[in-house]
Amino acid sequence: MKAEQKQISNDLTKPINHKGFLFDLIIYISVMFLIREIYFPSVGFIINGLFWSLTTLIIATWRMKVRNVSWKDLGLRKPESFKKTLFVTIGILIAIVLSIMAFEMIKDYLPFSLEQKNYSENSASKFGNLKGNWLLFFTIMPAVLLESMLEELLDRGFLINWFEKLFSQTTIATILAVILQALIFGFRHSYDLSDRSIRVGLIGLIMGIAYVKFGRNLWPLIIAHCVLNTMSMVDRV
C-alpha cells in the first residue's frame, strides 16, 4: 500500500507534457474522422463501423503506450461492487431518458433551427431489413454490443482523460473534457446539428458525468450503452 501511495505521489508531481497530449489528440481525432471516409460497401455498415472503431482503438492504445497508460488505468477494470455498478447503470439510463424528454419539450423553442432528416430510413439501410427478422437481429447484435463497448472505451475512457491532461492547468479541466467529448460524440453520429446529434450528445454528456462522478469505472457505462443500443435495435424488429 505504501509503495502504491508513493507511486501515486510521484505521478502527481511529474510535469505534464501538454504538447504531447495535444499531439496525441490531433492524431486521434484526425484518424477518428478521416477513417470514416473509407467504406467497404460489400460488408455493410456494421462491419465498417467496427473497422473504424478498431482502427481508432489501435491509435488510442498506441498513444497510451507512449504515455505509459493502460486501459485498466482508464477504467476497464473489475468493479469494486456489483450493487454499485447496477445502481449507477440504472441511474445513467434514467438520467438519459429524462434528459431526452426534457430536450423534446424545449427543442421547438431553441434560438436556432435543427436539421431535419429521416433517420429511420437511414437506419433501415444501415442495418438491413430488421422488421420481423429476428435471425438478422441476433446475427448483428454481437457486433452492435462490441461497438457499444468500444465507444465507451474511446469516447469516455480515452478522450476525457486526454482532454483533462491537455487542460490540466485550468480549474475546469474536467468540465471542459466532459463537454468536448460529448460534442464530438454527438457530431460524429450525424455530422450536423440535428435532433439526433443533440440526443446523442446528451447521452455522451451523461455518460461522461457518470464516468467522472462514480469512480471512473467504464463497466456501468458499457452496460448502459449496450442496453440502450439493444432497445434501439429491438424497436426496429
Protein backbone atom coordinates (compact mmCIF):
# COMPACT_ATOMS: atom_id res chain seq x y z
CA MET A 1 0.00 0.00 0.00
CA LYS A 2 2.79 2.43 0.90
CA ALA A 3 4.55 1.64 -2.37
CA GLU A 4 1.35 2.39 -4.32
CA GLN A 5 0.84 5.67 -2.46
CA LYS A 6 4.43 6.63 -3.15
CA GLN A 7 3.96 5.86 -6.87
CA ILE A 8 0.76 7.94 -6.99
CA SER A 9 2.54 10.80 -5.21
CA ASN A 10 5.37 10.64 -7.73
CA ASP A 11 2.91 10.62 -10.65
CA LEU A 12 1.16 13.73 -9.30
CA THR A 13 4.38 15.67 -9.03
CA LYS A 14 5.55 14.84 -12.56
CA PRO A 15 5.17 17.74 -15.00
CA ILE A 16 2.51 17.12 -17.64
CA ASN A 17 3.61 17.15 -21.26
CA HIS A 18 0.76 19.29 -22.60
CA LYS A 19 2.21 19.45 -26.10
CA GLY A 20 2.45 15.67 -26.11
CA PHE A 21 -1.22 15.22 -25.18
CA LEU A 22 -2.22 17.83 -27.77
CA PHE A 23 -0.22 15.89 -30.37
CA ASP A 24 -1.98 12.67 -29.32
CA LEU A 25 -5.42 14.29 -29.63
CA ILE A 26 -4.67 15.75 -33.04
CA ILE A 27 -3.61 12.32 -34.33
CA TYR A 28 -6.50 10.54 -32.64
CA ILE A 29 -9.30 12.92 -33.71
CA SER A 30 -7.92 13.18 -37.25
CA VAL A 31 -7.90 9.40 -37.65
CA MET A 32 -11.31 9.08 -35.96
CA PHE A 33 -12.94 11.26 -38.62
CA LEU A 34 -10.77 10.52 -41.65
CA ILE A 35 -11.07 6.74 -41.29
CA ARG A 36 -14.83 7.13 -41.92
CA GLU A 37 -14.03 8.20 -45.46
CA ILE A 38 -13.10 4.56 -46.08
CA TYR A 39 -16.18 2.44 -46.68
CA PHE A 40 -16.44 -1.12 -47.98
CA PRO A 41 -19.95 -1.49 -49.49
CA SER A 42 -19.69 -5.26 -49.75
CA VAL A 43 -19.56 -5.85 -45.97
CA GLY A 44 -22.25 -3.45 -44.75
CA PHE A 45 -22.41 -0.63 -42.22
CA ILE A 46 -21.83 -2.64 -39.02
CA ILE A 47 -18.56 -4.19 -40.18
CA ASN A 48 -17.41 -0.82 -41.47
CA GLY A 49 -18.29 0.70 -38.10
CA LEU A 50 -16.22 -1.90 -36.29
CA PHE A 51 -13.35 -1.27 -38.70
CA TRP A 52 -13.49 2.46 -37.92
CA SER A 53 -13.66 1.92 -34.15
CA LEU A 54 -10.96 -0.75 -34.06
CA THR A 55 -8.64 1.44 -36.12
CA THR A 56 -9.23 4.30 -33.70
CA LEU A 57 -8.67 1.89 -30.80
CA ILE A 58 -5.27 0.97 -32.22
CA ILE A 59 -4.32 4.66 -32.40
CA ALA A 60 -5.51 5.29 -28.84
CA THR A 61 -3.68 2.23 -27.49
CA TRP A 62 -0.51 3.31 -29.29
CA ARG A 63 -0.61 6.79 -27.74
CA MET A 64 -1.46 5.32 -24.33
CA LYS A 65 1.57 3.07 -24.52
CA VAL A 66 3.74 6.12 -25.26
CA ARG A 67 2.31 7.81 -22.12
CA ASN A 68 2.63 4.60 -20.06
CA VAL A 69 -1.15 4.35 -19.53
CA SER A 70 -3.23 1.16 -19.72
CA TRP A 71 -6.94 0.60 -20.34
CA LYS A 72 -7.16 -0.61 -16.77
CA ASP A 73 -5.91 2.80 -15.65
CA LEU A 74 -8.73 4.43 -17.65
CA GLY A 75 -11.44 2.27 -16.09
CA LEU A 76 -11.53 -1.12 -17.81
CA ARG A 77 -11.14 -2.94 -14.52
CA LYS A 78 -13.27 -5.13 -12.29
CA PRO A 79 -15.90 -3.05 -10.44
CA GLU A 80 -15.45 -2.85 -6.68
CA SER A 81 -19.14 -3.53 -6.07
CA PHE A 82 -21.73 -5.27 -8.22
CA LYS A 83 -24.53 -3.42 -6.40
CA LYS A 84 -22.95 -0.02 -7.04
CA THR A 85 -22.39 -0.92 -10.69
CA LEU A 86 -26.05 -1.88 -11.04
CA PHE A 87 -27.30 1.29 -9.34
CA VAL A 88 -25.02 3.53 -11.42
CA THR A 89 -26.13 1.77 -14.61
CA ILE A 90 -29.81 2.25 -13.74
CA GLY A 91 -29.13 5.87 -12.78
CA ILE A 92 -27.45 6.51 -16.13
CA LEU A 93 -30.39 5.05 -18.03
CA ILE A 94 -32.93 7.10 -16.05
CA ALA A 95 -30.90 10.29 -16.50
CA ILE A 96 -30.66 9.71 -20.25
CA VAL A 97 -34.41 9.16 -20.60
CA LEU A 98 -35.19 12.29 -18.56
CA SER A 99 -32.69 14.45 -20.45
CA ILE A 100 -34.05 13.39 -23.84
CA MET A 101 -37.61 14.00 -22.64
CA ALA A 102 -36.56 17.49 -21.49
CA PHE A 103 -34.92 18.16 -24.85
CA GLU A 104 -38.05 17.09 -26.73
CA MET A 105 -40.05 19.54 -24.64
CA ILE A 106 -37.81 22.54 -25.35
CA LYS A 107 -36.42 21.88 -28.83
CA ASP A 108 -39.13 23.91 -30.58
CA TYR A 109 -38.12 26.95 -28.50
CA LEU A 110 -34.41 26.83 -29.31
CA PRO A 111 -32.98 30.01 -30.89
CA PHE A 112 -31.66 28.01 -33.85
CA SER A 113 -33.15 25.54 -36.30
CA LEU A 114 -32.28 21.87 -36.38
CA GLU A 115 -31.57 19.78 -39.45
CA GLN A 116 -34.49 17.54 -40.37
CA LYS A 117 -33.60 14.10 -41.73
CA ASN A 118 -35.40 10.79 -41.95
CA TYR A 119 -33.11 8.74 -39.72
CA SER A 120 -35.49 5.78 -39.65
CA GLU A 121 -34.86 5.22 -43.36
CA ASN A 122 -31.11 5.66 -42.88
CA SER A 123 -31.13 3.10 -40.07
CA ALA A 124 -33.05 0.61 -42.20
CA SER A 125 -30.46 0.88 -44.95
CA LYS A 126 -27.58 0.60 -42.48
CA PHE A 127 -28.79 -2.46 -40.61
CA GLY A 128 -30.82 -4.16 -43.31
CA ASN A 129 -34.50 -5.04 -43.15
CA LEU A 130 -34.92 -5.93 -39.47
CA LYS A 131 -38.70 -5.80 -39.42
CA GLY A 132 -39.76 -9.25 -38.16
CA ASN A 133 -36.28 -10.64 -38.91
CA TRP A 134 -35.06 -11.98 -35.56
CA LEU A 135 -32.38 -14.09 -37.23
CA LEU A 136 -30.75 -10.94 -38.63
CA PHE A 137 -31.20 -9.24 -35.25
CA PHE A 138 -29.31 -11.95 -33.34
CA THR A 139 -26.69 -12.13 -36.10
CA ILE A 140 -25.72 -8.47 -35.89
CA MET A 141 -26.22 -7.88 -32.14
CA PRO A 142 -22.75 -9.16 -31.09
CA ALA A 143 -21.19 -6.54 -33.37
CA VAL A 144 -23.56 -3.86 -32.05
CA LEU A 145 -22.63 -4.68 -28.44
CA LEU A 146 -18.93 -4.72 -29.25
CA GLU A 147 -19.29 -1.32 -30.90
CA SER A 148 -21.08 -0.04 -27.78
CA MET A 149 -18.15 -1.12 -25.63
CA LEU A 150 -15.58 0.40 -27.98
CA GLU A 151 -17.37 3.76 -27.95
CA GLU A 152 -17.18 3.90 -24.15
CA LEU A 153 -13.50 2.97 -24.15
CA LEU A 154 -12.69 5.62 -26.74
CA ASP A 155 -15.09 8.48 -26.06
CA ARG A 156 -15.22 8.33 -22.28
CA GLY A 157 -12.06 6.46 -21.30
CA PHE A 158 -9.57 7.95 -23.75
CA LEU A 159 -10.97 11.34 -24.75
CA ILE A 160 -11.97 12.57 -21.29
CA ASN A 161 -8.62 11.69 -19.76
CA TRP A 162 -6.61 13.13 -22.64
CA PHE A 163 -8.60 16.37 -22.71
CA GLU A 164 -8.15 16.63 -18.94
CA LYS A 165 -4.39 16.35 -19.31
CA LEU A 166 -4.43 18.95 -22.06
CA PHE A 167 -6.41 21.45 -19.94
CA SER A 168 -4.96 20.48 -16.55
CA GLN A 169 -3.59 23.99 -15.97
CA THR A 170 -7.18 25.26 -15.75
CA THR A 171 -9.56 24.79 -12.83
CA ILE A 172 -12.33 23.50 -15.08
CA ALA A 173 -10.29 20.91 -16.97
CA THR A 174 -12.67 18.04 -16.19
CA ILE A 175 -15.76 20.07 -17.15
CA LEU A 176 -14.17 21.02 -20.47
CA ALA A 177 -13.14 17.40 -21.07
CA VAL A 178 -16.65 16.05 -20.44
CA ILE A 179 -18.31 18.70 -22.64
CA LEU A 180 -15.85 18.34 -25.54
CA GLN A 181 -16.11 14.56 -25.71
CA ALA A 182 -19.92 14.86 -25.69
CA LEU A 183 -19.84 17.36 -28.55
CA ILE A 184 -17.54 15.11 -30.58
CA PHE A 185 -19.67 12.06 -29.76
CA GLY A 186 -22.87 13.78 -30.89
CA PHE A 187 -21.44 15.33 -34.04
CA ARG A 188 -19.75 12.10 -35.14
CA HIS A 189 -23.07 10.28 -35.23
CA SER A 190 -24.70 12.59 -37.78
CA TYR A 191 -22.24 15.29 -38.93
CA ASP A 192 -24.85 18.02 -38.47
CA LEU A 193 -26.84 19.99 -35.90
CA SER A 194 -29.99 17.92 -35.66
CA ASP A 195 -32.30 16.20 -33.21
CA ARG A 196 -30.15 13.11 -33.42
CA SER A 197 -26.80 14.82 -32.87
CA ILE A 198 -28.15 16.61 -29.79
CA ARG A 199 -29.74 13.47 -28.36
CA VAL A 200 -26.53 11.51 -28.86
CA GLY A 201 -24.55 14.41 -27.42
CA LEU A 202 -26.77 14.39 -24.33
CA ILE A 203 -26.12 10.67 -23.94
CA GLY A 204 -22.39 11.34 -24.19
CA LEU A 205 -22.66 14.15 -21.63
CA ILE A 206 -24.46 11.96 -19.09
CA MET A 207 -22.06 9.09 -19.68
CA GLY A 208 -19.14 11.47 -19.17
CA ILE A 209 -20.55 12.89 -15.94
CA ALA A 210 -21.23 9.39 -14.62
CA TYR A 211 -17.70 8.30 -15.53
CA VAL A 212 -16.15 11.19 -13.58
CA LYS A 213 -18.54 11.10 -10.62
CA PHE A 214 -18.66 7.36 -9.94
CA GLY A 215 -15.08 6.18 -9.72
CA ARG A 216 -14.08 6.26 -13.40
CA ASN A 217 -15.04 2.64 -13.92
CA LEU A 218 -16.17 2.01 -17.50
CA TRP A 219 -18.38 -1.01 -16.85
CA PRO A 220 -21.58 0.82 -15.77
CA LEU A 221 -21.26 2.97 -18.90
CA ILE A 222 -20.62 -0.04 -21.13
CA ILE A 223 -23.61 -1.91 -19.71
CA ALA A 224 -25.90 1.14 -20.03
CA HIS A 225 -24.72 1.73 -23.61
CA CYS A 226 -25.36 -1.91 -24.51
CA VAL A 227 -28.86 -1.71 -23.01
CA LEU A 228 -29.66 1.45 -24.97
CA ASN A 229 -28.45 0.02 -28.27
CA THR A 230 -30.23 -3.28 -27.64
CA MET A 231 -33.51 -1.46 -27.02
CA SER A 232 -32.96 0.64 -30.14
CA MET A 233 -32.36 -2.47 -32.25
CA VAL A 234 -35.34 -4.36 -30.78
CA ASP A 235 -37.53 -1.37 -31.69
CA ARG A 236 -36.56 -1.89 -35.33
CA VAL A 237 -37.60 -5.57 -35.43
